[in-house]
Amino acid sequence: MNDLQHRTHLRHLARADAYRLLSACYYQPEDAFLEEEVFSQLRTALAKSSPSEIMEAATLDDCFRASGVEALMLDYSRLFLGPFDILAKPYGSVYLDGEKVVMGDSTMQALELYRVGGFDVAEDFLEMPDHIAVELEFLYLLSFHIGKESEEERARLITLKQKFLEEHLGRWVGAFSEAIRKGAQTDFYKRLADLTEQFVREDLQELTEAE
């Protein structure tokens, strides 16, 4: 492996880490985010893959600490859980198949791409399979294996990743992020929306340009 290939592999692995950590941020906020240094790890991953976004990760850390877990949990519930009016529905089908649709055609398509990529949603996972955290975790898995596999398998996975971004998350991340920005009462979730949208769009642009 030459030096350029080595750097490319490391970049894919750093992007994998960023996707994994962004996914974690869409679970219920808790002190473990700080104890496990989620935001510090995210800064490190972005420094290797998307240096222009490092400050966004640093801002996430500051905003999380400033708001506190109790206020963040209230905001998380209002945005993503309801129970009455969910302000930023975290499911792809809502944006791709219609506002009142869950488990629609796009969800079935996403599940098929998960299968092709060797990804299974855990049986005890209580959310829909096109939840934002799941789609980000799938992109983590793809990016990780792209950084590890042989050239032939890597090419297949890159094609799959680009297809998933073009047909799924890349199509609804903008509307979802805008819903968070409009509905959030804490800066943490507003900044998380900004970083998620920016990172996904940048990744898709890189894949498209490299094609």
C-alpha atoms as a PDB file:
ATOM      1  CA  MET A   1       0.000   0.000   0.000  1.00  0.00           C
ATOM      2  CA  ASN A   2       1.462   3.349  -1.017  1.00  0.00           C
ATOM      3  CA  ASP A   3       1.331   6.504   1.093  1.00  0.00           C
ATOM      4  CA  LEU A   4      -1.688   7.962  -0.723  1.00  0.00           C
ATOM      5  CA  GLN A   5      -3.676   4.751  -0.286  1.00  0.00           C
ATOM      6  CA  HIS A   6      -2.718   4.646   3.381  1.00  0.00           C
ATOM      7  CA  ARG A   7      -3.950   8.218   3.934  1.00  0.00           C
ATOM      8  CA  THR A   8      -7.173   7.430   2.082  1.00  0.00           C
ATOM      9  CA  HIS A   9      -7.790   4.386   4.254  1.00  0.00           C
ATOM     10  CA  LEU A  10      -7.219   6.439   7.408  1.00  0.00           C
ATOM     11  CA  ARG A  11      -9.627   9.087   6.145  1.00  0.00           C
ATOM     12  CA  HIS A  12     -12.367   6.494   5.627  1.00  0.00           C
ATOM     13  CA  LEU A  13     -11.789   5.149   9.140  1.00  0.00           C
ATOM     14  CA  ALA A  14     -11.957   8.675  10.581  1.00  0.00           C
ATOM     15  CA  ARG A  15     -15.236   9.248   8.748  1.00  0.00           C
ATOM     16  CA  ALA A  16     -16.483   5.985  10.228  1.00  0.00           C
ATOM     17  CA  ASP A  17     -15.701   7.250  13.731  1.00  0.00           C
ATOM     18  CA  ALA A  18     -17.481  10.541  13.013  1.00  0.00           C
ATOM     19  CA  TYR A  19     -20.619   8.741  11.819  1.00  0.00           C
ATOM     20  CA  ARG A  20     -20.563   6.465  14.877  1.00  0.00           C
ATOM     21  CA  LEU A  21     -20.290   9.405  17.264  1.00  0.00           C
ATOM     22  CA  LEU A  22     -22.925  11.485  15.482  1.00  0.00           C
ATOM     23  CA  SER A  23     -25.237   8.496  15.725  1.00  0.00           C
ATOM     24  CA  ALA A  24     -24.655   8.346  19.491  1.00  0.00           C
ATOM     25  CA  CYS A  25     -25.704  11.997  19.804  1.00  0.00           C
ATOM     26  CA  TYR A  26     -29.218  11.108  18.632  1.00  0.00           C
ATOM     27  CA  TYR A  27     -29.831   8.841  21.599  1.00  0.00           C
ATOM     28  CA  GLN A  28     -31.137  10.240  24.872  1.00  0.00           C
ATOM     29  CA  PRO A  29     -28.601  12.621  26.435  1.00  0.00           C
ATOM     30  CA  GLU A  30     -26.846  11.475  29.575  1.00  0.00           C
ATOM     31  CA  ASP A  31     -23.721  12.179  31.606  1.00  0.00           C
ATOM     32  CA  ALA A  32     -22.013   9.281  29.815  1.00  0.00           C
ATOM     33  CA  PHE A  33     -21.617  11.565  26.775  1.00  0.00           C
ATOM     34  CA  LEU A  34     -19.030  13.503  28.796  1.00  0.00           C
ATOM     35  CA  GLU A  35     -17.651  10.549  30.734  1.00  0.00           C
ATOM     36  CA  GLU A  36     -16.925   8.682  27.486  1.00  0.00           C
ATOM     37  CA  GLU A  37     -15.568  11.844  25.832  1.00  0.00           C
ATOM     38  CA  VAL A  38     -17.929  11.611  22.863  1.00  0.00           C
ATOM     39  CA  PHE A  39     -17.242  15.173  21.733  1.00  0.00           C
ATOM     40  CA  SER A  40     -13.479  14.939  22.193  1.00  0.00           C
ATOM     41  CA  GLN A  41     -13.476  11.770  20.088  1.00  0.00           C
ATOM     42  CA  LEU A  42     -15.614  13.531  17.490  1.00  0.00           C
ATOM     43  CA  ARG A  43     -13.114  16.403  17.267  1.00  0.00           C
ATOM     44  CA  THR A  44     -10.314  13.892  16.714  1.00  0.00           C
ATOM     45  CA  ALA A  45     -12.250  12.102  13.963  1.00  0.00           C
ATOM     46  CA  LEU A  46     -13.129  15.354  12.215  1.00  0.00           C
ATOM     47  CA  ALA A  47      -9.519  16.559  12.399  1.00  0.00           C
ATOM     48  CA  LYS A  48      -8.584  13.565  10.232  1.00  0.00           C
ATOM     49  CA  SER A  49     -11.556  13.630   7.874  1.00  0.00           C
ATOM     50  CA  SER A  50     -13.219  17.064   7.831  1.00  0.00           C
ATOM     51  CA  PRO A  51     -10.970  19.703   9.439  1.00  0.00           C
ATOM     52  CA  SER A  52     -13.359  22.538   8.576  1.00  0.00           C
ATOM     53  CA  GLU A  53     -15.892  21.064  11.014  1.00  0.00           C
ATOM     54  CA  ILE A  54     -13.655  20.700  14.092  1.00  0.00           C
ATOM     55  CA  MET A  55     -15.032  23.850  15.716  1.00  0.00           C
ATOM     56  CA  GLU A  56     -18.576  22.528  15.411  1.00  0.00           C
ATOM     57  CA  ALA A  57     -17.610  19.531  17.549  1.00  0.00           C
ATOM     58  CA  ALA A  58     -15.954  21.794  20.109  1.00  0.00           C
ATOM     59  CA  THR A  59     -19.141  23.874  20.209  1.00  0.00           C
ATOM     60  CA  LEU A  60     -21.191  20.725  20.851  1.00  0.00           C
ATOM     61  CA  ASP A  61     -19.097  20.003  23.936  1.00  0.00           C
ATOM     62  CA  ASP A  62     -19.524  23.547  25.267  1.00  0.00           C
ATOM     63  CA  CYS A  63     -23.273  23.583  24.585  1.00  0.00           C
ATOM     64  CA  PHE A  64     -23.822  20.187  26.216  1.00  0.00           C
ATOM     65  CA  ARG A  65     -22.052  21.305  29.384  1.00  0.00           C
ATOM     66  CA  ALA A  66     -23.798  24.690  29.449  1.00  0.00           C
ATOM     67  CA  SER A  67     -27.306  23.245  29.057  1.00  0.00           C
ATOM     68  CA  GLY A  68     -27.003  20.286  31.421  1.00  0.00           C
ATOM     69  CA  VAL A  69     -28.557  16.860  31.005  1.00  0.00           C
ATOM     70  CA  GLU A  70     -31.965  17.769  32.450  1.00  0.00           C
ATOM     71  CA  ALA A  71     -32.596  20.618  29.990  1.00  0.00           C
ATOM     72  CA  LEU A  72     -31.229  18.531  27.120  1.00  0.00           C
ATOM     73  CA  MET A  73     -33.520  15.633  27.979  1.00  0.00           C
ATOM     74  CA  LEU A  74     -36.545  17.960  27.909  1.00  0.00           C
ATOM     75  CA  ASP A  75     -35.472  19.324  24.530  1.00  0.00           C
ATOM     76  CA  TYR A  76     -34.747  15.820  23.203  1.00  0.00           C
ATOM     77  CA  SER A  77     -38.241  14.693  24.216  1.00  0.00           C
ATOM     78  CA  ARG A  78     -39.923  17.699  22.582  1.00  0.00           C
ATOM     79  CA  LEU A  79     -37.943  17.268  19.363  1.00  0.00           C
ATOM     80  CA  PHE A  80     -37.890  13.517  18.841  1.00  0.00           C
ATOM     81  CA  LEU A  81     -40.341  11.753  21.145  1.00  0.00           C
ATOM     82  CA  GLY A  82     -43.502  13.821  21.593  1.00  0.00           C
ATOM     83  CA  PRO A  83     -45.774  12.345  22.907  1.00  0.00           C
ATOM     84  CA  PHE A  84     -48.211  14.678  21.121  1.00  0.00           C
ATOM     85  CA  ASP A  85     -46.417  16.875  18.600  1.00  0.00           C
ATOM     86  CA  ILE A  86     -42.978  15.587  17.567  1.00  0.00           C
ATOM     87  CA  LEU A  87     -41.152  18.663  16.292  1.00  0.00           C
ATOM     88  CA  ALA A  88     -38.382  16.924  14.335  1.00  0.00           C
ATOM     89  CA  LYS A  89     -39.494  13.425  13.419  1.00  0.00           C
ATOM     90  CA  PRO A  90     -36.263  11.354  13.174  1.00  0.00           C
ATOM     91  CA  TYR A  91     -37.512   8.893  10.527  1.00  0.00           C
ATOM     92  CA  GLY A  92     -36.591   8.961   6.875  1.00  0.00           C
ATOM     93  CA  SER A  93     -40.001   7.777   5.644  1.00  0.00           C
ATOM     94  CA  VAL A  94     -41.686  10.868   7.102  1.00  0.00           C
ATOM     95  CA  TYR A  95     -39.695  13.037   4.677  1.00  0.00           C
ATOM     96  CA  LEU A  96     -39.498  10.633   1.746  1.00  0.00           C
ATOM     97  CA  ASP A  97     -42.938   8.968   1.766  1.00  0.00           C
ATOM     98  CA  GLY A  98     -45.192  11.531   3.436  1.00  0.00           C
ATOM     99  CA  GLU A  99     -45.517  13.248   6.808  1.00  0.00           C
ATOM    100  CA  LYS A 100     -47.777  10.637   8.371  1.00  0.00           C
ATOM    101  CA  VAL A 101     -45.983   7.616   6.903  1.00  0.00           C
ATOM    102  CA  VAL A 102     -43.693   5.303   8.874  1.00  0.00           C
ATOM    103  CA  MET A 103     -42.344   2.001   7.595  1.00  0.00           C
ATOM    104  CA  GLY A 104     -43.131   3.152   4.047  1.00  0.00           C
ATOM    105  CA  ASP A 105     -41.542   2.162   0.745  1.00  0.00           C
ATOM    106  CA  SER A 106     -38.347   4.093   1.501  1.00  0.00           C
ATOM    107  CA  THR A 107     -37.965   2.180   4.782  1.00  0.00           C
ATOM    108  CA  MET A 108     -38.174  -1.120   2.925  1.00  0.00           C
ATOM    109  CA  GLN A 109     -35.581   0.139   0.441  1.00  0.00           C
ATOM    110  CA  ALA A 110     -33.285   1.166   3.290  1.00  0.00           C
ATOM    111  CA  LEU A 111     -33.645  -2.266   4.880  1.00  0.00           C
ATOM    112  CA  GLU A 112     -32.642  -3.881   1.593  1.00  0.00           C
ATOM    113  CA  LEU A 113     -29.524  -1.716   1.406  1.00  0.00           C
ATOM    114  CA  TYR A 114     -28.729  -2.638   5.014  1.00  0.00           C
ATOM    115  CA  ARG A 115     -28.954  -6.295   3.989  1.00  0.00           C
ATOM    116  CA  VAL A 116     -26.661  -5.774   0.993  1.00  0.00           C
ATOM    117  CA  GLY A 117     -24.188  -4.037   3.284  1.00  0.00           C
ATOM    118  CA  GLY A 118     -24.294  -6.838   5.865  1.00  0.00           C
ATOM    119  CA  PHE A 119     -26.011  -4.661   8.481  1.00  0.00           C
ATOM    120  CA  ASP A 120     -28.790  -5.924  10.776  1.00  0.00           C
ATOM    121  CA  VAL A 121     -30.907  -3.780  13.088  1.00  0.00           C
ATOM    122  CA  ALA A 122     -30.800  -5.281  16.583  1.00  0.00           C
ATOM    123  CA  GLU A 123     -33.978  -7.151  17.504  1.00  0.00           C
ATOM    124  CA  ASP A 124     -34.262  -5.237  20.779  1.00  0.00           C
ATOM    125  CA  PHE A 125     -33.992  -1.837  19.049  1.00  0.00           C
ATOM    126  CA  LEU A 126     -37.372  -0.219  19.694  1.00  0.00           C
ATOM    127  CA  GLU A 127     -37.270   2.485  17.011  1.00  0.00           C
ATOM    128  CA  MET A 128     -38.025   2.336  13.293  1.00  0.00           C
ATOM    129  CA  PRO A 129     -35.181   1.029  11.090  1.00  0.00           C
ATOM    130  CA  ASP A 130     -34.905   4.370   9.261  1.00  0.00           C
ATOM    131  CA  HIS A 131     -34.322   6.330  12.475  1.00  0.00           C
ATOM    132  CA  ILE A 132     -31.544   8.915  12.043  1.00  0.00           C
ATOM    133  CA  ALA A 133     -29.295   7.068  14.520  1.00  0.00           C
ATOM    134  CA  VAL A 134     -29.626   3.811  12.573  1.00  0.00           C
ATOM    135  CA  GLU A 135     -28.891   5.397   9.203  1.00  0.00           C
ATOM    136  CA  LEU A 136     -25.811   7.115  10.640  1.00  0.00           C
ATOM    137  CA  GLU A 137     -24.690   3.815  12.169  1.00  0.00           C
ATOM    138  CA  PHE A 138     -25.069   2.096   8.801  1.00  0.00           C
ATOM    139  CA  LEU A 139     -22.816   4.761   7.278  1.00  0.00           C
ATOM    140  CA  TYR A 140     -20.347   4.110  10.090  1.00  0.00           C
ATOM    141  CA  LEU A 141     -20.294   0.425   9.210  1.00  0.00           C
ATOM    142  CA  LEU A 142     -19.833   1.088   5.489  1.00  0.00           C
ATOM    143  CA  SER A 143     -17.084   3.665   6.062  1.00  0.00           C
ATOM    144  CA  PHE A 144     -15.269   1.354   8.477  1.00  0.00           C
ATOM    145  CA  HIS A 145     -15.214  -1.555   6.040  1.00  0.00           C
ATOM    146  CA  ILE A 146     -14.263   0.729   3.146  1.00  0.00           C
ATOM    147  CA  GLY A 147     -11.180   1.599   5.169  1.00  0.00           C
ATOM    148  CA  LYS A 148     -10.355  -2.055   5.838  1.00  0.00           C
ATOM    149  CA  GLU A 149     -11.370  -4.205   2.875  1.00  0.00           C
ATOM    150  CA  SER A 150      -9.623  -5.265  -0.340  1.00  0.00           C
ATOM    151  CA  GLU A 151      -9.811  -2.992  -3.375  1.00  0.00           C
ATOM    152  CA  GLU A 152     -12.635  -4.925  -5.074  1.00  0.00           C
ATOM    153  CA  GLU A 153     -14.814  -5.071  -1.979  1.00  0.00           C
ATOM    154  CA  ARG A 154     -13.998  -1.452  -1.176  1.00  0.00           C
ATOM    155  CA  ALA A 155     -15.280  -0.352  -4.594  1.00  0.00           C
ATOM    156  CA  ARG A 156     -18.556  -2.240  -4.010  1.00  0.00           C
ATOM    157  CA  LEU A 157     -19.058  -0.653  -0.605  1.00  0.00           C
ATOM    158  CA  ILE A 158     -18.262   2.846  -1.874  1.00  0.00           C
ATOM    159  CA  THR A 159     -20.932   2.403  -4.552  1.00  0.00           C
ATOM    160  CA  LEU A 160     -23.396   1.195  -1.908  1.00  0.00           C
ATOM    161  CA  LYS A 161     -22.569   4.103   0.392  1.00  0.00           C
ATOM    162  CA  GLN A 162     -23.044   6.644  -2.381  1.00  0.00           C
ATOM    163  CA  LYS A 163     -26.381   5.052  -3.325  1.00  0.00           C
ATOM    164  CA  PHE A 164     -27.562   5.181   0.283  1.00  0.00           C
ATOM    165  CA  LEU A 165     -26.571   8.830   0.666  1.00  0.00           C
ATOM    166  CA  GLU A 166     -28.144   9.821  -2.648  1.00  0.00           C
ATOM    167  CA  GLU A 167     -31.396   7.917  -2.207  1.00  0.00           C
ATOM    168  CA  HIS A 168     -31.887   8.054   1.552  1.00  0.00           C
ATOM    169  CA  LEU A 169     -30.138  10.148   4.199  1.00  0.00           C
ATOM    170  CA  GLY A 170     -28.816  12.731   1.763  1.00  0.00           C
ATOM    171  CA  ARG A 171     -32.398  13.382   0.604  1.00  0.00           C
ATOM    172  CA  TRP A 172     -33.929  14.015   4.027  1.00  0.00           C
ATOM    173  CA  VAL A 173     -31.119  15.262   6.270  1.00  0.00           C
ATOM    174  CA  GLY A 174     -31.726  18.876   5.195  1.00  0.00           C
ATOM    175  CA  ALA A 175     -35.431  18.949   6.094  1.00  0.00           C
ATOM    176  CA  PHE A 176     -34.777  17.050   9.316  1.00  0.00           C
ATOM    177  CA  SER A 177     -31.977  19.401  10.367  1.00  0.00           C
ATOM    178  CA  GLU A 178     -34.112  22.433   9.596  1.00  0.00           C
ATOM    179  CA  ALA A 179     -36.915  21.033  11.764  1.00  0.00           C
ATOM    180  CA  ILE A 180     -34.436  20.668  14.636  1.00  0.00           C
ATOM    181  CA  ARG A 181     -33.144  24.216  14.198  1.00  0.00           C
ATOM    182  CA  LYS A 182     -36.698  25.594  14.238  1.00  0.00           C
ATOM    183  CA  GLY A 183     -37.876  23.535  17.198  1.00  0.00           C
ATOM    184  CA  ALA A 184     -34.838  23.253  19.483  1.00  0.00           C
ATOM    185  CA  GLN A 185     -34.630  25.308  22.658  1.00  0.00           C
ATOM    186  CA  THR A 186     -31.008  24.369  23.362  1.00  0.00           C
ATOM    187  CA  ASP A 187     -28.011  25.375  21.285  1.00  0.00           C
ATOM    188  CA  PHE A 188     -26.702  21.818  21.527  1.00  0.00           C
ATOM    189  CA  TYR A 189     -29.353  20.383  19.226  1.00  0.00           C
ATOM    190  CA  LYS A 190     -29.167  23.323  16.847  1.00  0.00           C
ATOM    191  CA  ARG A 191     -25.405  22.822  16.483  1.00  0.00           C
ATOM    192  CA  LEU A 192     -25.832  19.038  16.191  1.00  0.00           C
ATOM    193  CA  ALA A 193     -28.262  19.603  13.314  1.00  0.00           C
ATOM    194  CA  ASP A 194     -25.775  21.908  11.583  1.00  0.00           C
ATOM    195  CA  LEU A 195     -22.893  19.458  11.941  1.00  0.00           C
ATOM    196  CA  THR A 196     -24.905  16.417  10.861  1.00  0.00           C
ATOM    197  CA  GLU A 197     -26.176  18.095   7.700  1.00  0.00           C
ATOM    198  CA  GLN A 198     -22.793  19.560   6.818  1.00  0.00           C
ATOM    199  CA  PHE A 199     -20.941  16.289   7.366  1.00  0.00           C
ATOM    200  CA  VAL A 200     -23.393  14.178   5.338  1.00  0.00           C
ATOM    201  CA  ARG A 201     -23.452  16.635   2.450  1.00  0.00           C
ATOM    202  CA  GLU A 202     -19.668  16.922   2.379  1.00  0.00           C
ATOM    203  CA  ASP A 203     -19.262  13.150   2.350  1.00  0.00           C
ATOM    204  CA  LEU A 204     -21.719  12.764  -0.518  1.00  0.00           C
ATOM    205  CA  GLN A 205     -20.021  15.549  -2.474  1.00  0.00           C
ATOM    206  CA  GLU A 206     -16.629  13.872  -2.088  1.00  0.00           C
ATOM    207  CA  LEU A 207     -17.992  10.538  -3.297  1.00  0.00           C
ATOM    208  CA  THR A 208     -19.683  12.177  -6.268  1.00  0.00           C
ATOM    209  CA  GLU A 209     -16.554  14.087  -7.297  1.00  0.00           C
ATOM    210  CA  ALA A 210     -14.396  10.972  -6.974  1.00  0.00           C
ATOM    211  CA  GLU A 211     -16.725   8.903  -9.144  1.00  0.00           C
END
